[in-house]
Protein backbone atom coordinates (compact mmCIF):
# COMPACT_ATOMS: atom_id res chain seq x y z
CA UNK A 1 -1.32 81.07 111.40
CA UNK A 2 -0.97 77.75 109.64
CA UNK A 3 0.31 74.59 111.23
CA UNK A 4 4.01 74.82 111.89
CA UNK A 5 6.58 72.24 112.76
CA UNK A 6 8.50 72.60 115.97
CA UNK A 7 11.20 70.45 117.41
CA UNK A 8 9.72 67.16 118.64
CA UNK A 9 6.24 67.50 117.18
CA UNK A 10 3.57 69.59 115.60
CA UNK A 11 2.25 72.79 117.04
CA UNK A 12 -1.06 73.60 115.44
CA UNK A 13 -3.79 76.07 115.03
CA UNK A 14 -5.40 72.86 113.96
CA UNK A 15 -7.35 72.23 110.85
CA UNK A 16 -8.02 68.72 109.63
CA UNK A 17 -4.62 68.23 107.98
CA UNK A 18 -2.80 68.99 111.26
CA UNK A 19 -4.72 66.25 113.04
CA UNK A 20 -3.96 63.74 110.27
CA UNK A 21 -0.26 64.46 110.76
CA UNK A 22 -0.61 64.19 114.55
CA UNK A 23 -2.32 60.81 114.21
CA UNK A 24 0.48 59.56 111.98
CA UNK A 25 3.02 60.67 114.57
CA UNK A 26 1.35 58.45 117.19
CA UNK A 27 1.00 55.37 114.98
CA UNK A 28 3.92 53.59 116.77
CA UNK A 29 1.68 53.37 119.85
CA UNK A 30 -0.87 51.13 118.15
CA UNK A 31 -0.92 47.70 119.89
CA UNK A 32 0.79 49.16 122.98
CA UNK A 33 -0.74 48.97 126.48
CA UNK A 34 -1.15 52.33 128.22
CA UNK A 35 0.62 52.47 131.58
CA UNK A 36 -0.77 55.83 132.71
CA UNK A 37 -3.33 58.40 131.69
CA UNK A 38 -7.05 58.23 130.88
CA UNK A 39 -6.73 54.85 129.10
CA UNK A 40 -4.45 53.20 131.70
CA UNK A 41 -4.51 49.41 131.45
CA UNK A 42 -6.07 49.41 127.99
CA UNK A 43 -4.44 48.57 124.67
CA UNK A 44 -4.39 51.14 121.89
CA UNK A 45 -5.91 49.63 118.76
CA UNK A 46 -6.07 52.68 116.49
CA UNK A 47 -5.18 56.36 116.28
CA UNK A 48 -7.08 58.50 113.81
CA UNK A 49 -8.05 62.04 112.96
CA UNK A 50 -11.65 63.00 112.45
CA UNK A 51 -12.12 66.62 111.59
CA UNK A 52 -10.34 68.64 114.26
CA UNK A 53 -10.35 65.73 116.73
CA UNK A 54 -7.55 63.27 117.47
CA UNK A 55 -9.09 59.94 118.44
CA UNK A 56 -7.19 57.25 120.30
CA UNK A 57 -9.16 53.99 120.36
CA UNK A 58 -8.69 51.28 123.00
CA UNK A 59 -9.50 47.59 123.02
CA UNK A 60 -12.26 48.35 125.56
CA UNK A 61 -14.14 50.24 122.83
CA UNK A 62 -13.44 53.53 124.49
CA UNK A 63 -12.11 56.56 122.65
CA UNK A 64 -9.87 59.28 124.01
CA UNK A 65 -11.19 62.34 122.18
CA UNK A 66 -8.57 65.10 122.03
CA UNK A 67 -9.38 68.59 120.79
CA UNK A 68 -6.24 70.71 120.53
CA UNK A 69 -8.00 74.07 120.61
CA UNK A 70 -6.13 77.02 119.13
CA UNK A 71 -2.59 76.24 120.24
CA UNK A 72 -2.43 72.56 121.18
CA UNK A 73 0.34 70.17 120.23
CA UNK A 74 1.06 66.46 119.99
CA UNK A 75 4.45 64.77 120.07
CA UNK A 76 5.91 61.33 120.60
CA UNK A 77 8.66 61.02 123.20
CA UNK A 78 10.86 58.02 124.06
CA UNK A 79 9.41 55.67 126.70
CA UNK A 80 9.48 57.34 130.12
CA UNK A 81 10.70 60.67 128.75
CA UNK A 82 7.36 62.39 128.23
CA UNK A 83 6.58 65.38 130.46
CA UNK A 84 3.36 67.35 130.65
CA UNK A 85 -0.14 67.45 132.05
CA UNK A 86 -1.36 64.68 129.74
CA UNK A 87 1.03 61.86 128.90
CA UNK A 88 0.03 58.39 127.71
CA UNK A 89 2.97 56.19 128.69
CA UNK A 90 3.56 52.95 126.84
CA UNK A 91 6.50 50.62 126.26
CA UNK A 92 6.65 51.92 122.69
CA UNK A 93 6.82 55.59 123.58
CA UNK A 94 5.00 58.40 125.36
CA UNK A 95 2.29 60.47 123.73
CA UNK A 96 2.63 64.01 125.07
CA UNK A 97 -0.55 65.97 124.43
CA UNK A 98 -1.28 69.61 125.12
CA UNK A 99 -4.95 70.15 124.44
CA UNK A 100 -7.88 72.44 125.14
CA UNK A 101 -10.23 69.54 125.81
CA UNK A 102 -9.80 65.84 126.46
CA UNK A 103 -12.57 63.39 127.23
CA UNK A 104 -13.28 59.70 127.02
CA UNK A 105 -16.14 59.14 124.62
CA UNK A 106 -17.80 56.49 122.47
CA UNK A 107 -17.73 55.98 118.73
CA UNK A 108 -21.49 56.46 118.32
CA UNK A 109 -21.49 59.79 120.14
CA UNK A 110 -18.68 61.14 117.95
CA UNK A 111 -20.41 60.12 114.73
CA UNK A 112 -23.54 62.02 115.72
CA UNK A 113 -21.63 65.14 116.78
CA UNK A 114 -19.35 65.58 113.76
CA UNK A 115 -20.26 66.25 110.17
CA UNK A 116 -18.73 64.49 107.15
CA UNK A 117 -14.94 64.48 107.29
CA UNK A 118 -13.31 66.40 104.46
CA UNK A 119 -10.20 64.19 104.57
CA UNK A 120 -11.95 60.84 104.88
CA UNK A 121 -14.88 59.35 102.95
CA UNK A 122 -16.68 62.64 102.42
CA UNK A 123 -20.46 62.26 102.14
CA UNK A 124 -21.64 65.10 99.94
CA UNK A 125 -25.34 64.40 100.43
CA UNK A 126 -24.98 64.48 104.21
CA UNK A 127 -22.98 67.70 103.98
CA UNK A 128 -25.75 69.34 101.94
CA UNK A 129 -28.38 68.16 104.40
CA UNK A 130 -26.48 69.58 107.36
CA UNK A 131 -25.37 72.86 105.78
CA UNK A 132 -28.98 73.70 104.87
CA UNK A 133 -30.42 73.01 108.33
CA UNK A 134 -29.76 76.62 109.37
CA UNK A 135 -29.71 79.46 106.85
CA UNK A 136 -26.69 81.60 107.74
CA UNK A 137 -23.67 83.11 105.99
CA UNK A 138 -21.65 80.43 104.23
CA UNK A 139 -18.42 81.48 105.94
CA UNK A 140 -20.01 80.80 109.32
CA UNK A 141 -21.53 77.49 108.26
CA UNK A 142 -18.23 76.09 107.02
CA UNK A 143 -16.59 76.49 110.43
CA UNK A 144 -19.36 74.52 112.15
CA UNK A 145 -17.86 71.07 112.70
CA UNK A 146 -21.38 69.62 112.80
CA UNK A 147 -21.69 70.63 109.13
CA UNK A 148 -18.34 69.37 107.87
CA UNK A 149 -15.44 68.22 109.99
CA UNK A 150 -11.92 69.48 109.49
CA UNK A 151 -12.18 72.91 107.96
CA UNK A 152 -10.71 75.87 109.84
CA UNK A 153 -10.26 79.57 109.21
CA UNK A 154 -7.45 79.22 106.66
CA UNK A 155 -9.09 76.56 104.49
CA UNK A 156 -12.42 78.38 104.79
CA UNK A 157 -11.08 81.67 103.45
CA UNK A 158 -8.95 80.01 100.77
CA UNK A 159 -11.70 77.68 99.51
CA UNK A 160 -14.24 80.48 99.27
CA UNK A 161 -11.73 82.58 97.32
CA UNK A 162 -10.92 79.73 94.94
CA UNK A 163 -14.62 79.27 94.22
CA UNK A 164 -15.37 83.01 94.01
CA UNK A 165 -17.97 82.57 96.75
CA UNK A 166 -19.11 85.43 99.00
CA UNK A 167 -18.41 84.44 102.65
CA UNK A 168 -21.24 86.69 103.86
CA UNK A 169 -23.93 85.43 101.48
CA UNK A 170 -26.58 83.15 103.00
CA UNK A 171 -26.32 79.42 102.35
CA UNK A 172 -29.76 79.55 100.74
CA UNK A 173 -28.36 81.74 97.95
CA UNK A 174 -26.07 78.95 96.71
CA UNK A 175 -27.15 75.95 94.61
CA UNK A 176 -26.07 72.51 95.72
CA UNK A 177 -23.35 72.35 93.07
CA UNK A 178 -21.73 75.55 94.35
CA UNK A 179 -21.77 74.35 97.96
CA UNK A 180 -20.18 71.05 96.98
CA UNK A 181 -17.56 72.91 94.95
CA UNK A 182 -16.53 74.88 98.06
CA UNK A 183 -16.37 71.70 100.17
CA UNK A 184 -14.25 69.97 97.52
CA UNK A 185 -11.91 72.97 97.34
CA UNK A 186 -11.49 72.91 101.12
CA UNK A 187 -10.74 69.19 101.01
CA UNK A 188 -8.11 69.76 98.31
CA UNK A 189 -6.48 72.53 100.35
CA UNK A 190 -6.33 70.36 103.48
CA UNK A 191 -5.02 67.45 101.44
CA UNK A 192 -2.24 69.70 100.16
CA UNK A 193 -1.45 70.55 103.78
CA UNK A 194 -0.97 66.85 104.55
CA UNK A 195 1.28 66.39 101.51
CA UNK A 196 3.36 69.43 102.46
CA UNK A 197 3.66 68.32 106.10
CA UNK A 198 1.56 71.10 107.55
CA UNK A 199 1.83 74.08 105.25
CA UNK A 200 -1.39 75.35 103.68
CA UNK A 201 -1.56 77.48 100.54
CA UNK A 202 -2.30 81.14 101.19
CA UNK A 203 -3.68 83.46 98.52
CA UNK A 204 -5.88 85.66 100.72
CA UNK A 205 -5.47 84.49 104.32
CA UNK A 206 -3.75 87.19 106.40
CA UNK A 207 -3.25 89.27 103.27
CA UNK A 208 -5.70 92.09 104.01
CA UNK A 209 -4.68 95.27 102.20
CA UNK A 210 -2.70 93.42 99.56
CA UNK A 211 -3.85 92.96 95.95
CA UNK A 212 -5.92 89.93 95.08
CA UNK A 213 -3.73 87.47 93.10
CA UNK A 214 -6.56 87.10 90.59
CA UNK A 215 -7.89 90.63 89.98
CA UNK A 216 -5.61 92.97 92.00
CA UNK A 217 -8.50 94.33 94.09
CA UNK A 218 -7.50 95.02 97.69
CA UNK A 219 -8.19 92.03 99.92
CA UNK A 220 -10.41 92.76 102.89
CA UNK A 221 -10.85 91.15 106.30
CA UNK A 222 -13.66 91.20 108.84
CA UNK A 223 -14.73 89.19 111.90
CA UNK A 224 -17.49 86.71 111.24
CA UNK A 225 -19.70 84.44 113.29
CA UNK A 226 -20.27 83.90 116.99
CA UNK A 227 -16.56 83.42 117.68
CA UNK A 228 -15.56 86.43 115.57
CA UNK A 229 -13.10 84.51 113.41
CA UNK A 230 -11.48 86.74 110.79
CA UNK A 231 -12.56 86.10 107.22
CA UNK A 232 -10.37 87.22 104.32
CA UNK A 233 -11.93 87.79 100.90
CA UNK A 234 -11.77 89.73 97.65
CA UNK A 235 -14.79 92.07 97.35
CA UNK A 236 -14.53 91.97 93.55
CA UNK A 237 -13.97 88.28 92.82
CA UNK A 238 -16.33 87.10 95.56
CA UNK A 239 -19.32 89.38 95.13
């Protein structure tokens, strides 16, 4: 399921583009003092997306790190109108956040934990260093946010299909140029999601049993990785 717009905000199975849109939604809160919530008494100086994380920075150099999980949402309500378990109230509006995990962190800790951001200043050399630390199927490696931040199950399947890359082949079987090509394809797909306000292109995702748009072979699906996320691929194009 791609990101979808609901009344009052974005409801996401979040990939990087969904968090970029969520951060934009909360931009009116920059320079506002938080009246309640984890950053109470502090002034918001920036709101940004990094990978699948929404980061709200305060003037005390603290960062509210929000991970939306599978079905989180972010919306901006009028001042005093926000309702929910996590609401940051300010004179400029209320940030209403439904998230799987929220914690106050530091900038240095986040930089160590997350890989290069596909929608920011992507560092290809650092991506290659990280992706080759553990030799595992490429489809699994791409979902590891320590390898590259922002890619999710949709962009993973679509980028691998675009590049004719086998999701189940080991990272070691790909040259650097092929790995960078997949990362660049994922970044382009997520960028398209931002431009289209949440919608991601879908050629193979959730299309198991249908013909491949490129060669007409039946698209397959199978669980992959520790979390058993479903990968969609063409066994002909991506062999």
